[in-house]
Amino acid sequence: MADLKRTVLHDLHRELGARMVPFAGYEMPVQYPDGVMKEHLHTRASAGLFDVSHMGQIILRSPPEALERLVPVDIAGLPEGRQRYALFTNEAGGILDDLMVANRGDHLFLVVNAARKAQDLAHLRAHFGTAVEELSNRALLALQGPKAEQVLEALLPGVAAMRFMDVATLRWNGAELWVSRSGYSGEDGYEISVPETQAEAFARALIADEAVRPVGLGARDSLRLEAGLCLYGHDIDEGTTPAEAGLGWAIQKVRRAGGARAGGFPGAEHVLAELDTGPHRLRVGLLPEGRAPMREGTPLFASADGAEPVGAVTSGGFGPSLNAPLAMGYVTVDVAPIGTKLWGEVRGKRMAVRVAPLPFRPSTYKR
């Protein structure tokens, strides 16, 4: 742990009784005294506060359309004050990372995964040079849940009027806060970029509200899994294509075959062809028929005595909101239809599991 980086909120996590673990090169809170189950359910019912300051925050001072050389999504058509989910792809059509891109007027603001931060910065700088600025003096907080709006509105008047994927610049105690109405839980909520000098005071102001409890990485993972959201390095990686991952919705018509700005990004030929013809495997939801979770790496078979796997689990655990185990994984297209019965091999024993629709729990974004 001595070699790990710490976020500016490290001392506050300790004060709140967090159990710290290594994650993406950082010492991060996995849970607080309430425990993962209560933190998860509290976020669904009220509001949870997450420290996500380990993620990369990047400014790109380049024309929006220039970023389209690296991502398959419509950046040129992204209005000021709006944010969009995007993907960096490689020449084979694989996913280098998934990220958020916000149009803040005179620049784009990117939020990238902590584990891919260095690679993403190098990738951007290879194309844009000094137009790329890594922000090392800002924390990032996520306030998620049905009461997030009322809690944040009390501190930042105006956020209640925002809609899903809106971004805004607001001031609190003299500090400039960059707010997006987005998150990684399936719940309505916000992500707030805060100057590090004000981060602890702002976090304390949020948890002073009785509706808010701190939440760690454990519940963050179970929340995103119920919401059917991908975790980079597990559900998506350089060997996964957008079509396989079920992320075709993120690629707008203008960037697809026949669109006004079709292609032009790494792996475009493969990505666009696969969107038209369909991939050989698909990411699917999985509901084990028993109570035992099927964890990442569990091989999946078409029958109880099948010799060759038809896929594997990439994320799995227990869903507190469903009160049942759940998982996601990749399977061949012939066994991907909803309701298909498969078998997962857990500790040498075959256990029944059914293909289920994603997300497992409907999102509550304010659109």
Protein backbone atom coordinates (compact mmCIF):
# COMPACT_ATOMS: atom_id res chain seq x y z
CA MET A 1 0.00 0.00 0.00
CA ALA A 2 2.97 2.31 0.58
CA ASP A 3 3.58 2.57 -3.17
CA LEU A 4 -0.01 3.47 -3.99
CA LYS A 5 -1.26 6.95 -4.81
CA ARG A 6 -3.86 8.58 -2.60
CA THR A 7 -6.69 10.92 -3.47
CA VAL A 8 -7.06 14.23 -1.67
CA LEU A 9 -9.93 12.68 0.35
CA HIS A 10 -7.79 9.88 1.82
CA ASP A 11 -7.79 11.27 5.36
CA LEU A 12 -11.56 11.76 5.24
CA HIS A 13 -12.05 8.14 4.17
CA ARG A 14 -9.96 7.01 7.14
CA GLU A 15 -11.90 9.27 9.48
CA LEU A 16 -15.16 7.74 8.21
CA GLY A 17 -13.90 4.23 8.94
CA ALA A 18 -13.27 3.09 5.37
CA ARG A 19 -11.50 -0.15 4.59
CA MET A 20 -8.87 0.74 2.02
CA VAL A 21 -7.71 -1.50 -0.84
CA PRO A 22 -5.43 -1.19 -3.88
CA PHE A 23 -7.30 -0.21 -7.05
CA ALA A 24 -5.82 1.04 -10.35
CA GLY A 25 -2.67 2.21 -8.60
CA TYR A 26 -4.54 4.02 -5.82
CA GLU A 27 -5.44 3.30 -2.21
CA MET A 28 -9.24 3.48 -2.36
CA PRO A 29 -12.18 2.82 0.01
CA VAL A 30 -13.87 -0.49 -0.78
CA GLN A 31 -16.48 -0.05 1.96
CA TYR A 32 -17.34 1.88 5.11
CA PRO A 33 -18.72 0.53 8.41
CA ASP A 34 -22.24 0.19 6.94
CA GLY A 35 -20.95 -2.51 4.57
CA VAL A 36 -21.46 -3.06 0.85
CA MET A 37 -25.08 -4.26 1.07
CA LYS A 38 -26.33 -1.26 3.07
CA GLU A 39 -24.29 1.21 0.98
CA HIS A 40 -25.78 -0.24 -2.21
CA LEU A 41 -29.38 -0.14 -0.96
CA HIS A 42 -28.94 3.33 0.52
CA THR A 43 -27.80 4.64 -2.86
CA ARG A 44 -30.88 3.12 -4.50
CA ALA A 45 -33.19 4.62 -1.86
CA SER A 46 -31.53 7.93 -1.01
CA ALA A 47 -28.06 9.22 -2.02
CA GLY A 48 -24.54 7.81 -1.97
CA LEU A 49 -21.30 9.79 -2.23
CA PHE A 50 -18.38 8.25 -4.12
CA ASP A 51 -14.79 9.47 -4.38
CA VAL A 52 -13.77 8.87 -8.01
CA SER A 53 -10.80 11.23 -7.97
CA HIS A 54 -8.54 8.41 -9.20
CA MET A 55 -10.06 8.77 -12.66
CA GLY A 56 -8.33 10.88 -15.26
CA GLN A 57 -9.56 14.42 -15.97
CA ILE A 58 -8.27 15.87 -19.23
CA ILE A 59 -8.79 19.09 -21.18
CA LEU A 60 -8.49 18.96 -24.96
CA ARG A 61 -8.18 22.35 -26.65
CA SER A 62 -8.86 21.26 -30.21
CA PRO A 63 -11.84 21.54 -32.57
CA PRO A 64 -14.46 18.94 -31.50
CA GLU A 65 -14.45 17.24 -34.89
CA ALA A 66 -10.71 16.54 -34.52
CA LEU A 67 -11.40 14.06 -31.72
CA GLU A 68 -13.46 12.04 -34.20
CA ARG A 69 -10.15 10.74 -35.56
CA LEU A 70 -9.90 8.64 -32.38
CA VAL A 71 -13.53 7.82 -31.46
CA PRO A 72 -16.49 6.48 -33.50
CA VAL A 73 -19.04 8.87 -31.98
CA ASP A 74 -20.40 12.25 -33.03
CA ILE A 75 -18.28 14.88 -31.30
CA ALA A 76 -18.71 17.64 -33.90
CA GLY A 77 -22.46 17.60 -33.26
CA LEU A 78 -22.15 17.63 -29.48
CA PRO A 79 -23.75 20.90 -28.28
CA GLU A 80 -22.03 23.12 -25.75
CA GLY A 81 -23.19 22.17 -22.27
CA ARG A 82 -23.69 18.51 -23.16
CA GLN A 83 -21.74 15.32 -22.53
CA ARG A 84 -21.47 12.06 -24.49
CA TYR A 85 -20.21 8.52 -23.89
CA ALA A 86 -17.33 7.61 -26.22
CA LEU A 87 -14.85 4.86 -27.01
CA PHE A 88 -11.20 4.90 -28.04
CA THR A 89 -10.71 2.10 -30.59
CA ASN A 90 -7.64 0.38 -32.00
CA GLU A 91 -6.88 -0.67 -35.57
CA ALA A 92 -8.55 -4.05 -35.03
CA GLY A 93 -11.74 -2.40 -33.78
CA GLY A 94 -11.03 -3.26 -30.14
CA ILE A 95 -11.79 -0.87 -27.29
CA LEU A 96 -8.78 0.94 -25.80
CA ASP A 97 -10.96 2.66 -23.21
CA ASP A 98 -14.41 4.07 -22.66
CA LEU A 99 -14.74 7.68 -21.56
CA MET A 100 -17.00 10.70 -21.16
CA VAL A 101 -16.59 13.77 -23.39
CA ALA A 102 -18.16 17.11 -22.45
CA ASN A 103 -18.33 20.21 -24.64
CA ARG A 104 -17.45 23.13 -22.35
CA GLY A 105 -17.34 25.79 -25.06
CA ASP A 106 -13.70 26.62 -25.72
CA HIS A 107 -12.52 23.08 -24.90
CA LEU A 108 -13.55 19.46 -24.46
CA PHE A 109 -13.43 17.92 -21.00
CA LEU A 110 -12.66 14.19 -20.93
CA VAL A 111 -12.99 11.76 -18.02
CA VAL A 112 -11.12 8.48 -18.55
CA ASN A 113 -10.64 5.32 -16.51
CA ALA A 114 -7.95 5.34 -13.84
CA ALA A 115 -6.32 2.12 -15.07
CA ARG A 116 -6.01 3.56 -18.61
CA LYS A 117 -5.13 7.14 -17.71
CA ALA A 118 -1.47 7.00 -18.75
CA GLN A 119 -2.23 5.18 -22.01
CA ASP A 120 -5.07 7.54 -22.89
CA LEU A 121 -2.91 10.61 -22.28
CA ALA A 122 -0.15 9.20 -24.48
CA HIS A 123 -2.72 8.32 -27.17
CA LEU A 124 -4.16 11.84 -27.14
CA ARG A 125 -0.78 13.58 -27.05
CA ALA A 126 0.44 11.52 -30.02
CA HIS A 127 -2.35 13.15 -32.04
CA PHE A 128 -2.86 16.54 -30.38
CA GLY A 129 0.43 17.37 -28.64
CA THR A 130 0.26 20.38 -26.33
CA ALA A 131 -3.50 20.76 -26.87
CA VAL A 132 -3.86 18.00 -24.23
CA GLU A 133 -3.76 19.02 -20.55
CA GLU A 134 -3.99 16.57 -17.69
CA LEU A 135 -5.69 18.06 -14.64
CA SER A 136 -3.84 17.00 -11.51
CA ASN A 137 -5.35 19.58 -9.16
CA ARG A 138 -9.02 18.60 -9.23
CA ALA A 139 -10.92 15.91 -7.33
CA LEU A 140 -13.93 14.11 -8.75
CA LEU A 141 -16.99 13.20 -6.69
CA ALA A 142 -20.13 11.32 -7.67
CA LEU A 143 -23.44 11.87 -5.85
CA GLN A 144 -25.89 9.17 -6.90
CA GLY A 145 -29.45 8.24 -5.98
CA PRO A 146 -33.03 9.56 -5.98
CA LYS A 147 -32.26 12.24 -3.38
CA ALA A 148 -29.09 13.45 -5.10
CA GLU A 149 -30.97 16.29 -6.80
CA GLN A 150 -32.42 17.82 -3.64
CA VAL A 151 -29.14 17.45 -1.75
CA LEU A 152 -27.01 19.07 -4.43
CA GLU A 153 -29.56 21.78 -5.24
CA ALA A 154 -29.25 23.00 -1.64
CA LEU A 155 -25.53 23.60 -2.20
CA LEU A 156 -25.52 24.43 -5.92
CA PRO A 157 -28.77 26.14 -6.92
CA GLY A 158 -29.57 25.37 -10.55
CA VAL A 159 -28.57 21.71 -10.74
CA ALA A 160 -32.19 20.57 -10.45
CA ALA A 161 -32.90 22.06 -13.88
CA MET A 162 -30.18 19.93 -15.49
CA ARG A 163 -31.09 16.84 -17.50
CA PHE A 164 -29.19 13.60 -18.04
CA MET A 165 -25.84 14.34 -19.71
CA ASP A 166 -26.09 18.11 -19.21
CA VAL A 167 -22.92 19.83 -17.97
CA ALA A 168 -22.64 23.15 -16.15
CA THR A 169 -20.11 25.36 -14.35
CA LEU A 170 -21.26 26.54 -10.93
CA ARG A 171 -19.61 28.21 -7.96
CA TRP A 172 -19.45 27.10 -4.35
CA ASN A 173 -17.57 29.06 -1.66
CA GLY A 174 -15.60 30.82 -4.37
CA ALA A 175 -14.59 27.59 -6.12
CA GLU A 176 -15.48 26.71 -9.71
CA LEU A 177 -17.24 23.34 -9.86
CA TRP A 178 -17.82 21.44 -13.10
CA VAL A 179 -21.03 19.45 -12.81
CA SER A 180 -22.47 16.77 -15.09
CA ARG A 181 -25.77 15.00 -14.55
CA SER A 182 -24.45 11.49 -15.02
CA GLY A 183 -22.98 8.57 -13.15
CA TYR A 184 -22.13 4.88 -13.00
CA SER A 185 -24.91 3.47 -10.83
CA GLY A 186 -28.01 3.44 -13.02
CA GLU A 187 -29.48 6.07 -10.71
CA ASP A 188 -30.10 9.74 -11.32
CA GLY A 189 -27.17 11.71 -10.00
CA TYR A 190 -24.21 13.96 -10.63
CA GLU A 191 -20.46 13.89 -11.07
CA ILE A 192 -18.67 16.99 -9.77
CA SER A 193 -15.12 18.06 -10.56
CA VAL A 194 -13.86 20.15 -7.62
CA PRO A 195 -10.56 21.98 -7.04
CA GLU A 196 -8.54 19.85 -4.63
CA THR A 197 -8.30 22.76 -2.18
CA GLN A 198 -12.09 22.66 -1.73
CA ALA A 199 -12.73 18.92 -2.18
CA GLU A 200 -12.80 17.86 1.46
CA ALA A 201 -14.97 20.81 2.52
CA PHE A 202 -17.41 20.08 -0.31
CA ALA A 203 -17.51 16.35 0.51
CA ARG A 204 -18.18 17.17 4.17
CA ALA A 205 -20.98 19.53 3.16
CA LEU A 206 -22.60 16.71 1.19
CA ILE A 207 -22.36 14.03 3.88
CA ALA A 208 -23.65 16.51 6.46
CA ASP A 209 -27.05 15.95 4.83
CA GLU A 210 -28.73 12.97 6.51
CA ALA A 211 -29.79 11.67 3.09
CA VAL A 212 -26.16 11.06 2.08
CA ARG A 213 -23.81 8.26 3.09
CA PRO A 214 -20.29 7.56 1.80
CA VAL A 215 -20.08 4.58 -0.54
CA GLY A 216 -17.05 2.52 -1.54
CA LEU A 217 -15.88 0.56 -4.56
CA GLY A 218 -17.72 -2.59 -3.48
CA ALA A 219 -21.18 -1.07 -3.82
CA ARG A 220 -20.08 0.95 -6.84
CA ASP A 221 -19.41 -2.36 -8.58
CA SER A 222 -22.68 -4.03 -7.58
CA LEU A 223 -24.65 -0.91 -8.59
CA ARG A 224 -23.07 -0.72 -12.05
CA LEU A 225 -23.53 -4.47 -12.54
CA GLU A 226 -27.27 -4.23 -11.82
CA ALA A 227 -27.36 -1.33 -14.28
CA GLY A 228 -25.68 -3.48 -16.94
CA LEU A 229 -22.74 -1.09 -17.28
CA CYS A 230 -19.34 -2.28 -18.51
CA LEU A 231 -16.19 -2.21 -16.41
CA TYR A 232 -13.06 -1.67 -18.51
CA GLY A 233 -10.58 -4.52 -18.27
CA HIS A 234 -13.37 -6.95 -17.47
CA ASP A 235 -16.41 -6.54 -19.74
CA ILE A 236 -14.59 -4.56 -22.42
CA ASP A 237 -10.94 -4.42 -23.46
CA GLU A 238 -8.67 -4.22 -26.50
CA GLY A 239 -9.99 -7.56 -27.73
CA THR A 240 -13.64 -6.52 -27.51
CA THR A 241 -15.48 -4.64 -30.26
CA PRO A 242 -18.37 -2.19 -29.77
CA ALA A 243 -20.84 -4.55 -31.49
CA GLU A 244 -19.81 -7.50 -29.33
CA ALA A 245 -20.16 -5.39 -26.19
CA GLY A 246 -23.65 -4.19 -27.16
CA LEU A 247 -22.38 -0.61 -27.40
CA GLY A 248 -23.55 0.08 -30.94
CA TRP A 249 -26.03 2.59 -29.51
CA ALA A 250 -23.08 4.89 -28.77
CA ILE A 251 -22.19 5.19 -32.47
CA GLN A 252 -24.49 7.73 -34.10
CA LYS A 253 -25.76 7.44 -37.70
CA VAL A 254 -23.52 10.29 -38.88
CA ARG A 255 -20.43 8.17 -38.09
CA ARG A 256 -21.78 4.90 -39.51
CA ALA A 257 -21.62 3.61 -43.07
CA GLY A 258 -23.50 6.06 -45.29
CA GLY A 259 -23.31 8.85 -42.70
CA ALA A 260 -21.95 12.31 -43.46
CA ARG A 261 -18.77 11.63 -41.41
CA ALA A 262 -18.65 7.86 -41.60
CA GLY A 263 -15.48 6.14 -40.43
CA GLY A 264 -12.17 7.94 -40.09
CA PHE A 265 -11.41 6.41 -36.68
CA PRO A 266 -9.09 3.47 -35.85
CA GLY A 267 -10.61 0.13 -36.83
CA ALA A 268 -13.51 1.80 -38.64
CA GLU A 269 -13.78 -0.78 -41.40
CA HIS A 270 -14.09 -3.64 -38.92
CA VAL A 271 -16.33 -1.79 -36.46
CA LEU A 272 -18.81 -0.54 -39.06
CA ALA A 273 -18.96 -3.85 -40.92
CA GLU A 274 -19.67 -5.71 -37.70
CA LEU A 275 -22.46 -3.28 -36.79
CA ASP A 276 -24.11 -4.17 -40.11
CA THR A 277 -23.53 -7.93 -40.22
CA GLY A 278 -23.48 -8.69 -36.50
CA PRO A 279 -20.66 -10.10 -34.34
CA HIS A 280 -19.92 -13.77 -33.60
CA ARG A 281 -20.37 -13.30 -29.86
CA LEU A 282 -22.37 -10.94 -27.65
CA ARG A 283 -22.30 -9.53 -24.13
CA VAL A 284 -25.39 -10.78 -22.30
CA GLY A 285 -26.98 -10.62 -18.89
CA LEU A 286 -26.94 -13.84 -16.88
CA LEU A 287 -29.11 -14.92 -13.95
CA PRO A 288 -27.92 -18.04 -12.09
CA GLU A 289 -30.82 -20.26 -11.05
CA GLY A 290 -29.35 -20.93 -7.62
CA ARG A 291 -28.10 -18.54 -4.93
CA ALA A 292 -24.39 -18.93 -5.62
CA PRO A 293 -22.77 -16.09 -7.62
CA MET A 294 -20.88 -16.87 -10.80
CA ARG A 295 -17.69 -14.82 -10.74
CA GLU A 296 -15.49 -13.49 -13.51
CA GLY A 297 -13.85 -16.25 -15.50
CA THR A 298 -16.59 -18.84 -14.97
CA PRO A 299 -16.80 -20.87 -18.22
CA LEU A 300 -20.25 -21.25 -19.77
CA PHE A 301 -21.54 -24.34 -21.58
CA ALA A 302 -24.57 -25.04 -23.78
CA SER A 303 -25.42 -28.20 -21.85
CA ALA A 304 -24.75 -29.82 -18.51
CA ASP A 305 -22.26 -32.17 -20.16
CA GLY A 306 -20.96 -29.93 -22.97
CA ALA A 307 -17.28 -30.33 -23.70
CA GLU A 308 -16.50 -26.95 -25.24
CA PRO A 309 -17.39 -23.62 -23.58
CA VAL A 310 -19.70 -21.26 -25.48
CA GLY A 311 -18.57 -18.27 -23.46
CA ALA A 312 -17.47 -16.98 -20.08
CA VAL A 313 -18.54 -14.64 -17.30
CA THR A 314 -16.76 -11.27 -17.28
CA SER A 315 -18.47 -9.70 -14.22
CA GLY A 316 -20.46 -11.46 -11.55
CA GLY A 317 -21.66 -11.10 -8.00
CA PHE A 318 -24.73 -10.59 -5.85
CA GLY A 319 -27.33 -7.95 -6.70
CA PRO A 320 -28.68 -6.46 -3.45
CA SER A 321 -31.61 -4.78 -5.22
CA LEU A 322 -32.58 -8.07 -6.87
CA ASN A 323 -31.69 -10.13 -3.79
CA ALA A 324 -30.14 -12.63 -6.18
CA PRO A 325 -26.87 -13.41 -7.96
CA LEU A 326 -26.32 -11.88 -11.38
CA ALA A 327 -23.58 -11.69 -13.97
CA MET A 328 -22.58 -10.51 -17.42
CA GLY A 329 -20.49 -12.34 -19.95
CA TYR A 330 -19.85 -13.13 -23.60
CA VAL A 331 -21.46 -16.04 -25.41
CA THR A 332 -21.70 -17.15 -29.03
CA VAL A 333 -24.67 -15.62 -30.86
CA ASP A 334 -26.50 -18.96 -31.20
CA VAL A 335 -26.98 -19.14 -27.41
CA ALA A 336 -27.45 -15.39 -26.84
CA PRO A 337 -31.30 -15.15 -27.10
CA ILE A 338 -33.07 -14.10 -23.89
CA GLY A 339 -34.16 -17.10 -21.85
CA THR A 340 -31.54 -19.52 -23.18
CA LYS A 341 -30.46 -21.97 -20.49
CA LEU A 342 -26.72 -22.39 -20.06
CA TRP A 343 -24.47 -23.99 -17.48
CA GLY A 344 -21.65 -22.30 -15.63
CA GLU A 345 -18.88 -24.41 -14.15
CA VAL A 346 -18.20 -23.35 -10.56
CA ARG A 347 -15.56 -25.30 -8.62
CA GLY A 348 -15.96 -28.25 -10.96
CA LYS A 349 -19.77 -28.36 -10.75
CA ARG A 350 -22.15 -27.32 -13.55
CA MET A 351 -24.83 -24.84 -12.39
CA ALA A 352 -27.80 -23.63 -14.45
CA VAL A 353 -27.94 -20.00 -15.58
CA ARG A 354 -30.27 -18.19 -17.97
CA VAL A 355 -29.56 -15.41 -20.44
CA ALA A 356 -31.37 -12.29 -19.22
CA PRO A 357 -32.02 -8.81 -20.65
CA LEU A 358 -29.80 -5.89 -19.67
CA PRO A 359 -30.01 -3.84 -17.56
CA PHE A 360 -31.14 -6.02 -14.68
CA ARG A 361 -32.73 -2.96 -13.09
CA PRO A 362 -34.16 -0.03 -15.10
CA SER A 363 -32.18 3.21 -14.89
CA THR A 364 -33.72 6.30 -13.32
CA TYR A 365 -31.91 9.02 -15.30
CA LYS A 366 -33.72 12.37 -15.49
CA ARG A 367 -34.11 12.98 -19.21
